[in-house]
């Protein structure tokens, strides 16, 4: 099937898809701020420019949209009916890039966590996960060598 938009309109629609400061990313940042965590945004010197970086904890957080990054939830498993081959290949390239990025960060000594868009539906659970993660990293950091 062909695209429902002409090339110019499709290009305009795709230009509006944000890469930074998305609604899910802002929600995670608000939760981290409530927990008192300090962080940096979009460090360009790290592979994949993680959405949120906590240098002292060596933690890189990616906030991924389920559709764009091929999550195994209902939204991530959905494939558009229009231009199906394009979208399947596009998501596969994104997933492959995400794997390469995670490996490069891990090789550089960073812990990498992914927060999926669908996890934001339960703010209490998200905050609990972040709190537990921060506590674990703090314990590991303060452990005598």
C-alpha atoms as a PDB file:
ATOM      1  CA  UNK A   1       0.000   0.000   0.000  1.00  0.00           C
ATOM      2  CA  UNK A   2       1.098   3.515  -0.654  1.00  0.00           C
ATOM      3  CA  UNK A   3       1.428   6.291   1.878  1.00  0.00           C
ATOM      4  CA  UNK A   4      -1.717   8.309   2.611  1.00  0.00           C
ATOM      5  CA  UNK A   5       0.328  11.534   2.472  1.00  0.00           C
ATOM      6  CA  UNK A   6       2.343  12.925  -0.392  1.00  0.00           C
ATOM      7  CA  UNK A   7       6.113  13.174   0.127  1.00  0.00           C
ATOM      8  CA  UNK A   8       6.034  16.821   1.248  1.00  0.00           C
ATOM      9  CA  UNK A   9       3.292  16.245   3.835  1.00  0.00           C
ATOM     10  CA  UNK A  10       4.973  13.054   5.135  1.00  0.00           C
ATOM     11  CA  UNK A  11       8.226  14.977   5.521  1.00  0.00           C
ATOM     12  CA  UNK A  12       6.424  17.694   7.512  1.00  0.00           C
ATOM     13  CA  UNK A  13       4.789  15.081   9.777  1.00  0.00           C
ATOM     14  CA  UNK A  14       8.106  13.326  10.441  1.00  0.00           C
ATOM     15  CA  UNK A  15       9.891  16.633  11.178  1.00  0.00           C
ATOM     16  CA  UNK A  16       7.509  17.165  14.084  1.00  0.00           C
ATOM     17  CA  UNK A  17       8.654  13.969  15.833  1.00  0.00           C
ATOM     18  CA  UNK A  18      10.852  15.212  18.647  1.00  0.00           C
ATOM     19  CA  UNK A  19      14.106  13.653  19.766  1.00  0.00           C
ATOM     20  CA  UNK A  20      14.638  15.677  22.933  1.00  0.00           C
ATOM     21  CA  UNK A  21      12.408  16.884  25.752  1.00  0.00           C
ATOM     22  CA  UNK A  22       9.589  14.511  24.868  1.00  0.00           C
ATOM     23  CA  UNK A  23       6.638  14.101  27.227  1.00  0.00           C
ATOM     24  CA  UNK A  24       7.882  10.703  28.507  1.00  0.00           C
ATOM     25  CA  UNK A  25      11.378  12.105  29.057  1.00  0.00           C
ATOM     26  CA  UNK A  26       9.997  15.072  31.004  1.00  0.00           C
ATOM     27  CA  UNK A  27       7.967  12.705  33.203  1.00  0.00           C
ATOM     28  CA  UNK A  28      11.093  10.697  34.080  1.00  0.00           C
ATOM     29  CA  UNK A  29      13.027  13.884  34.787  1.00  0.00           C
ATOM     30  CA  UNK A  30      10.276  15.108  37.137  1.00  0.00           C
ATOM     31  CA  UNK A  31      10.342  11.764  38.992  1.00  0.00           C
ATOM     32  CA  UNK A  32      14.130  11.929  39.357  1.00  0.00           C
ATOM     33  CA  UNK A  33      13.918  15.503  40.620  1.00  0.00           C
ATOM     34  CA  UNK A  34      11.334  14.452  43.224  1.00  0.00           C
ATOM     35  CA  UNK A  35      13.797  11.787  44.373  1.00  0.00           C
ATOM     36  CA  UNK A  36      16.524  14.396  44.715  1.00  0.00           C
ATOM     37  CA  UNK A  37      18.695  12.967  41.940  1.00  0.00           C
ATOM     38  CA  UNK A  38      21.069  15.225  40.048  1.00  0.00           C
ATOM     39  CA  UNK A  39      21.512  14.588  36.343  1.00  0.00           C
ATOM     40  CA  UNK A  40      22.705  15.940  33.031  1.00  0.00           C
ATOM     41  CA  UNK A  41      20.874  15.839  29.712  1.00  0.00           C
ATOM     42  CA  UNK A  42      21.885  14.530  26.295  1.00  0.00           C
ATOM     43  CA  UNK A  43      25.641  14.203  26.810  1.00  0.00           C
ATOM     44  CA  UNK A  44      27.009  14.414  23.291  1.00  0.00           C
ATOM     45  CA  UNK A  45      30.363  12.909  24.284  1.00  0.00           C
ATOM     46  CA  UNK A  46      28.715   9.558  25.119  1.00  0.00           C
ATOM     47  CA  UNK A  47      27.572   6.975  22.567  1.00  0.00           C
ATOM     48  CA  UNK A  48      23.920   7.460  21.639  1.00  0.00           C
ATOM     49  CA  UNK A  49      23.615  10.764  23.554  1.00  0.00           C
ATOM     50  CA  UNK A  50      21.666   9.276  26.490  1.00  0.00           C
ATOM     51  CA  UNK A  51      18.537  11.199  27.476  1.00  0.00           C
ATOM     52  CA  UNK A  52      19.586  11.405  31.118  1.00  0.00           C
ATOM     53  CA  UNK A  53      23.082  10.892  32.538  1.00  0.00           C
ATOM     54  CA  UNK A  54      24.194  10.656  36.153  1.00  0.00           C
ATOM     55  CA  UNK A  55      27.990  10.858  35.894  1.00  0.00           C
ATOM     56  CA  UNK A  56      28.710  10.199  39.581  1.00  0.00           C
ATOM     57  CA  UNK A  57      26.716   6.985  39.449  1.00  0.00           C
ATOM     58  CA  UNK A  58      27.942   6.110  35.926  1.00  0.00           C
ATOM     59  CA  UNK A  59      24.319   5.686  34.887  1.00  0.00           C
ATOM     60  CA  UNK A  60      22.915   6.412  31.433  1.00  0.00           C
ATOM     61  CA  UNK A  61      19.125   6.420  31.065  1.00  0.00           C
ATOM     62  CA  UNK A  62      17.307   6.152  27.774  1.00  0.00           C
ATOM     63  CA  UNK A  63      13.608   6.996  27.663  1.00  0.00           C
ATOM     64  CA  UNK A  64      12.291   5.099  24.657  1.00  0.00           C
ATOM     65  CA  UNK A  65       8.994   5.310  22.837  1.00  0.00           C
ATOM     66  CA  UNK A  66       7.581   1.801  22.517  1.00  0.00           C
ATOM     67  CA  UNK A  67       6.703   2.127  18.815  1.00  0.00           C
ATOM     68  CA  UNK A  68       9.966   3.745  17.695  1.00  0.00           C
ATOM     69  CA  UNK A  69      12.218   1.296  19.528  1.00  0.00           C
ATOM     70  CA  UNK A  70      10.294  -1.960  19.037  1.00  0.00           C
ATOM     71  CA  UNK A  71       9.246  -2.711  22.615  1.00  0.00           C
ATOM     72  CA  UNK A  72       7.376  -5.982  23.177  1.00  0.00           C
ATOM     73  CA  UNK A  73       4.240  -4.259  24.537  1.00  0.00           C
ATOM     74  CA  UNK A  74       1.036  -3.776  22.530  1.00  0.00           C
ATOM     75  CA  UNK A  75       2.044  -0.361  21.200  1.00  0.00           C
ATOM     76  CA  UNK A  76       5.555  -1.473  20.322  1.00  0.00           C
ATOM     77  CA  UNK A  77       4.364  -4.585  18.503  1.00  0.00           C
ATOM     78  CA  UNK A  78       1.974  -2.565  16.327  1.00  0.00           C
ATOM     79  CA  UNK A  79       3.060  -2.184  12.708  1.00  0.00           C
ATOM     80  CA  UNK A  80       1.281   0.424  10.583  1.00  0.00           C
ATOM     81  CA  UNK A  81      -0.751  -0.932   7.699  1.00  0.00           C
ATOM     82  CA  UNK A  82       0.516   1.775   5.375  1.00  0.00           C
ATOM     83  CA  UNK A  83       4.102   1.395   4.163  1.00  0.00           C
ATOM     84  CA  UNK A  84       4.593  -1.723   6.295  1.00  0.00           C
ATOM     85  CA  UNK A  85       8.003  -2.672   4.836  1.00  0.00           C
ATOM     86  CA  UNK A  86       9.425   0.784   5.538  1.00  0.00           C
ATOM     87  CA  UNK A  87       8.291   0.807   9.172  1.00  0.00           C
ATOM     88  CA  UNK A  88       9.466  -2.734   9.857  1.00  0.00           C
ATOM     89  CA  UNK A  89      12.931  -1.887   8.519  1.00  0.00           C
ATOM     90  CA  UNK A  90      12.980   1.485  10.326  1.00  0.00           C
ATOM     91  CA  UNK A  91      12.209  -0.039  13.739  1.00  0.00           C
ATOM     92  CA  UNK A  92      14.704  -2.866  13.120  1.00  0.00           C
ATOM     93  CA  UNK A  93      17.428  -0.280  12.406  1.00  0.00           C
ATOM     94  CA  UNK A  94      16.517   1.583  15.609  1.00  0.00           C
ATOM     95  CA  UNK A  95      16.696  -1.622  17.672  1.00  0.00           C
ATOM     96  CA  UNK A  96      20.085  -2.527  16.161  1.00  0.00           C
ATOM     97  CA  UNK A  97      21.398   0.980  16.875  1.00  0.00           C
ATOM     98  CA  UNK A  98      20.126   0.736  20.480  1.00  0.00           C
ATOM     99  CA  UNK A  99      22.016  -2.545  20.974  1.00  0.00           C
ATOM    100  CA  UNK A 100      25.249  -1.031  19.607  1.00  0.00           C
ATOM    101  CA  UNK A 101      24.827   2.010  21.858  1.00  0.00           C
ATOM    102  CA  UNK A 102      24.220  -0.102  24.982  1.00  0.00           C
ATOM    103  CA  UNK A 103      27.297  -2.219  24.223  1.00  0.00           C
ATOM    104  CA  UNK A 104      29.504   0.843  23.662  1.00  0.00           C
ATOM    105  CA  UNK A 105      28.356   2.461  26.915  1.00  0.00           C
ATOM    106  CA  UNK A 106      28.820  -0.776  28.870  1.00  0.00           C
ATOM    107  CA  UNK A 107      32.316  -1.172  27.430  1.00  0.00           C
ATOM    108  CA  UNK A 108      33.094   2.358  28.652  1.00  0.00           C
ATOM    109  CA  UNK A 109      32.006   1.397  32.172  1.00  0.00           C
ATOM    110  CA  UNK A 110      28.486   2.852  32.195  1.00  0.00           C
ATOM    111  CA  UNK A 111      25.365   1.154  33.488  1.00  0.00           C
ATOM    112  CA  UNK A 112      22.568   1.549  30.957  1.00  0.00           C
ATOM    113  CA  UNK A 113      18.871   1.487  31.801  1.00  0.00           C
ATOM    114  CA  UNK A 114      15.950   1.870  29.429  1.00  0.00           C
ATOM    115  CA  UNK A 115      12.639   3.291  30.562  1.00  0.00           C
ATOM    116  CA  UNK A 116       9.823   2.491  28.180  1.00  0.00           C
ATOM    117  CA  UNK A 117       6.968   4.831  27.396  1.00  0.00           C
ATOM    118  CA  UNK A 118       4.427   2.238  28.561  1.00  0.00           C
ATOM    119  CA  UNK A 119       6.023   2.192  32.030  1.00  0.00           C
ATOM    120  CA  UNK A 120       4.947   5.800  32.515  1.00  0.00           C
ATOM    121  CA  UNK A 121       1.306   4.753  32.822  1.00  0.00           C
ATOM    122  CA  UNK A 122       1.981   3.827  36.449  1.00  0.00           C
ATOM    123  CA  UNK A 123       3.865   6.779  37.975  1.00  0.00           C
ATOM    124  CA  UNK A 124       4.129   5.142  41.412  1.00  0.00           C
ATOM    125  CA  UNK A 125       5.761   2.027  39.948  1.00  0.00           C
ATOM    126  CA  UNK A 126       8.126   4.147  37.859  1.00  0.00           C
ATOM    127  CA  UNK A 127       9.165   6.180  40.883  1.00  0.00           C
ATOM    128  CA  UNK A 128       9.656   2.971  42.883  1.00  0.00           C
ATOM    129  CA  UNK A 129      11.865   1.521  40.138  1.00  0.00           C
ATOM    130  CA  UNK A 130      13.950   4.689  39.971  1.00  0.00           C
ATOM    131  CA  UNK A 131      14.261   4.872  43.759  1.00  0.00           C
ATOM    132  CA  UNK A 132      15.426   1.238  43.959  1.00  0.00           C
ATOM    133  CA  UNK A 133      17.894   1.785  41.099  1.00  0.00           C
ATOM    134  CA  UNK A 134      19.389   4.873  42.737  1.00  0.00           C
ATOM    135  CA  UNK A 135      19.640   3.112  46.106  1.00  0.00           C
ATOM    136  CA  UNK A 136      21.382   0.107  44.520  1.00  0.00           C
ATOM    137  CA  UNK A 137      23.877   2.329  42.692  1.00  0.00           C
ATOM    138  CA  UNK A 138      24.584   4.289  45.877  1.00  0.00           C
ATOM    139  CA  UNK A 139      25.214   1.041  47.787  1.00  0.00           C
ATOM    140  CA  UNK A 140      27.595  -0.168  45.056  1.00  0.00           C
ATOM    141  CA  UNK A 141      29.398   3.154  44.998  1.00  0.00           C
ATOM    142  CA  UNK A 142      29.903   3.227  48.770  1.00  0.00           C
ATOM    143  CA  UNK A 143      30.992  -0.410  48.997  1.00  0.00           C
ATOM    144  CA  UNK A 144      34.632  -0.698  50.140  1.00  0.00           C
ATOM    145  CA  UNK A 145      36.960  -2.031  47.454  1.00  0.00           C
END
